[in-house]
Amino acid sequence: MRVAAFVLSVACALVLGLFVSPRDASTAAPPVVQATPPAATARAMPRVATPLEFTLPSPCSLSEGGAAVRTGENGSLIHWIAECPGTDPADMSPLFASALAKQGWTTASVTPALASYRRGDLELLFEFTAPAQPATSYVWFGQRYWH
């Protein structure tokens, strides 16, 4: 229970840090151009308890305390924390990539720590390793409409 609460707290802090972290203009990286820009007004996600059109790979499950949390403009992002007991942290990204490919999701972008996949008008966003934190068998992931 304490581990789940800690992981949830860290995930929330990381998400907030991405949006409010100060940046020095002299060292800031140039903006990344997306192939498909997001809609001007984000569409609200429906109220759901589990991800839409996506099944977690075995042996993963939503973690205790990993209930759906609605964030973003107009509740446009729903995020969860999943735990994959017994999975080597280095295998987390490939495990999800394989499961998503079998379910018809297309890779939008992948780095060692972050990945996004799309199918239809849904997008799944994954954070496998939090900045400055050791890798774990937990993953933060969110789902939103991408257009």
Protein backbone atom coordinates (compact mmCIF):
# COMPACT_ATOMS: atom_id res chain seq x y z
CA MET A 1 0.00 0.00 0.00
CA ARG A 2 2.82 2.42 0.90
CA VAL A 3 4.69 1.53 -2.31
CA ALA A 4 1.61 2.22 -4.43
CA ALA A 5 1.02 5.54 -2.68
CA PHE A 6 4.68 6.47 -3.15
CA VAL A 7 4.63 5.53 -6.85
CA LEU A 8 1.41 7.48 -7.38
CA SER A 9 2.91 10.51 -5.61
CA VAL A 10 6.06 10.33 -7.71
CA ALA A 11 4.07 9.98 -10.94
CA CYS A 12 1.90 12.99 -10.08
CA ALA A 13 4.96 15.04 -9.15
CA LEU A 14 6.63 14.14 -12.43
CA VAL A 15 3.59 15.07 -14.47
CA LEU A 16 3.34 18.40 -12.65
CA GLY A 17 7.08 18.95 -13.08
CA LEU A 18 6.72 18.57 -16.83
CA PHE A 19 4.19 21.37 -16.95
CA VAL A 20 5.57 23.84 -14.41
CA SER A 21 9.34 23.35 -14.51
CA PRO A 22 11.22 26.58 -15.20
CA ARG A 23 13.33 26.62 -18.33
CA ASP A 24 16.34 28.72 -19.16
CA ALA A 25 15.86 30.00 -22.70
CA SER A 26 19.59 29.79 -23.40
CA THR A 27 19.72 26.03 -22.75
CA ALA A 28 16.23 25.01 -23.81
CA ALA A 29 16.02 22.49 -26.63
CA PRO A 30 14.12 23.56 -29.73
CA PRO A 31 10.46 22.55 -29.75
CA VAL A 32 9.57 19.16 -31.24
CA VAL A 33 7.27 19.29 -34.23
CA GLN A 34 4.55 16.65 -34.22
CA ALA A 35 3.37 15.06 -37.45
CA THR A 36 -0.26 15.57 -36.44
CA PRO A 37 -0.99 18.57 -34.22
CA PRO A 38 -3.41 18.02 -31.34
CA ALA A 39 -6.91 19.40 -31.68
CA ALA A 40 -7.34 23.04 -30.68
CA THR A 41 -9.79 22.01 -27.98
CA ALA A 42 -9.06 18.72 -26.25
CA ARG A 43 -11.89 16.22 -26.26
CA ALA A 44 -12.95 14.97 -22.85
CA MET A 45 -12.34 11.30 -22.23
CA PRO A 46 -15.33 9.28 -21.07
CA ARG A 47 -15.52 8.34 -17.41
CA VAL A 48 -13.97 4.88 -17.35
CA ALA A 49 -12.23 2.76 -14.72
CA THR A 50 -10.01 0.79 -17.11
CA PRO A 51 -8.25 1.77 -20.36
CA LEU A 52 -10.28 1.80 -23.57
CA GLU A 53 -9.41 -0.67 -26.35
CA PHE A 54 -6.22 -1.79 -24.58
CA THR A 55 -5.40 -4.84 -22.49
CA LEU A 56 -2.38 -4.86 -20.20
CA PRO A 57 0.20 -7.53 -21.03
CA SER A 58 0.53 -10.53 -18.76
CA PRO A 59 1.61 -10.42 -15.82
CA CYS A 60 0.71 -6.72 -15.50
CA SER A 61 -2.31 -5.25 -13.73
CA LEU A 62 -3.48 -1.86 -12.55
CA SER A 63 -1.67 -1.20 -9.31
CA GLU A 64 -3.33 -0.74 -5.96
CA GLY A 65 -4.03 2.96 -5.84
CA GLY A 66 -3.67 3.08 -9.64
CA ALA A 67 -7.31 3.97 -10.28
CA ALA A 68 -8.17 6.19 -13.22
CA VAL A 69 -7.28 9.84 -12.65
CA ARG A 70 -8.69 12.47 -15.00
CA THR A 71 -6.39 15.37 -15.79
CA GLY A 72 -5.69 17.70 -18.67
CA GLU A 73 -7.95 20.25 -20.21
CA ASN A 74 -11.58 19.25 -19.77
CA GLY A 75 -10.61 15.82 -18.35
CA SER A 76 -8.95 15.03 -21.67
CA LEU A 77 -6.32 12.68 -20.20
CA ILE A 78 -6.97 9.66 -18.02
CA HIS A 79 -3.96 8.04 -16.42
CA TRP A 80 -3.19 4.93 -14.43
CA ILE A 81 -0.25 3.17 -12.83
CA ALA A 82 0.32 -0.47 -13.69
CA GLU A 83 2.59 -2.96 -11.99
CA CYS A 84 4.26 -5.91 -13.71
CA PRO A 85 5.53 -8.16 -10.88
CA GLY A 86 8.59 -10.21 -11.69
CA THR A 87 9.34 -8.23 -14.86
CA ASP A 88 12.85 -6.88 -15.24
CA PRO A 89 12.61 -3.06 -15.51
CA ALA A 90 14.67 -3.18 -18.72
CA ASP A 91 11.99 -5.43 -20.28
CA MET A 92 9.04 -3.13 -19.53
CA SER A 93 9.12 -1.10 -22.76
CA PRO A 94 9.57 -4.15 -25.06
CA LEU A 95 6.84 -6.03 -23.15
CA PHE A 96 4.32 -3.24 -23.77
CA ALA A 97 5.49 -2.67 -27.36
CA SER A 98 4.86 -6.33 -28.21
CA ALA A 99 1.45 -6.43 -26.50
CA LEU A 100 0.33 -3.20 -28.17
CA ALA A 101 1.45 -4.34 -31.63
CA LYS A 102 -0.63 -7.53 -31.21
CA GLN A 103 -3.64 -5.37 -30.28
CA GLY A 104 -3.33 -3.21 -33.42
CA TRP A 105 -1.71 -0.11 -31.91
CA THR A 106 0.78 1.84 -34.06
CA THR A 107 3.99 3.27 -32.64
CA ALA A 108 3.95 7.08 -32.66
CA SER A 109 7.23 7.64 -30.78
CA VAL A 110 9.52 5.60 -28.55
CA THR A 111 12.48 6.48 -26.35
CA PRO A 112 13.97 4.31 -23.58
CA ALA A 113 11.85 6.11 -20.96
CA LEU A 114 8.77 7.29 -22.88
CA ALA A 115 6.55 5.89 -25.62
CA SER A 116 3.30 6.72 -27.36
CA TYR A 117 1.05 4.52 -29.48
CA ARG A 118 -2.07 5.31 -31.52
CA ARG A 119 -5.09 3.42 -32.75
CA GLY A 120 -8.01 5.20 -34.30
CA ASP A 121 -8.43 8.47 -32.44
CA LEU A 122 -6.95 7.17 -29.16
CA GLU A 123 -3.39 7.63 -27.98
CA LEU A 124 -1.59 5.77 -25.19
CA LEU A 125 1.31 7.54 -23.48
CA PHE A 126 3.78 5.57 -21.34
CA GLU A 127 6.48 6.67 -18.90
CA PHE A 128 8.62 3.65 -18.08
CA THR A 129 11.36 5.49 -16.20
CA ALA A 130 10.90 8.73 -14.30
CA PRO A 131 13.72 11.27 -14.67
CA ALA A 132 16.43 10.85 -12.00
CA GLN A 133 14.69 7.76 -10.61
CA PRO A 134 15.74 4.11 -10.82
CA ALA A 135 13.83 1.89 -13.23
CA THR A 136 11.04 -0.21 -11.70
CA SER A 137 8.41 -2.73 -12.74
CA TYR A 138 5.78 0.04 -12.50
CA VAL A 139 4.66 2.12 -15.47
CA TRP A 140 2.66 5.34 -15.60
CA PHE A 141 0.41 5.52 -18.63
CA GLY A 142 -2.29 7.80 -19.90
CA GLN A 143 -4.92 7.68 -22.60
CA ARG A 144 -6.37 10.57 -24.59
CA TYR A 145 -7.90 11.46 -27.92
CA TRP A 146 -5.14 12.69 -30.21
CA HIS A 147 -7.40 14.36 -32.81
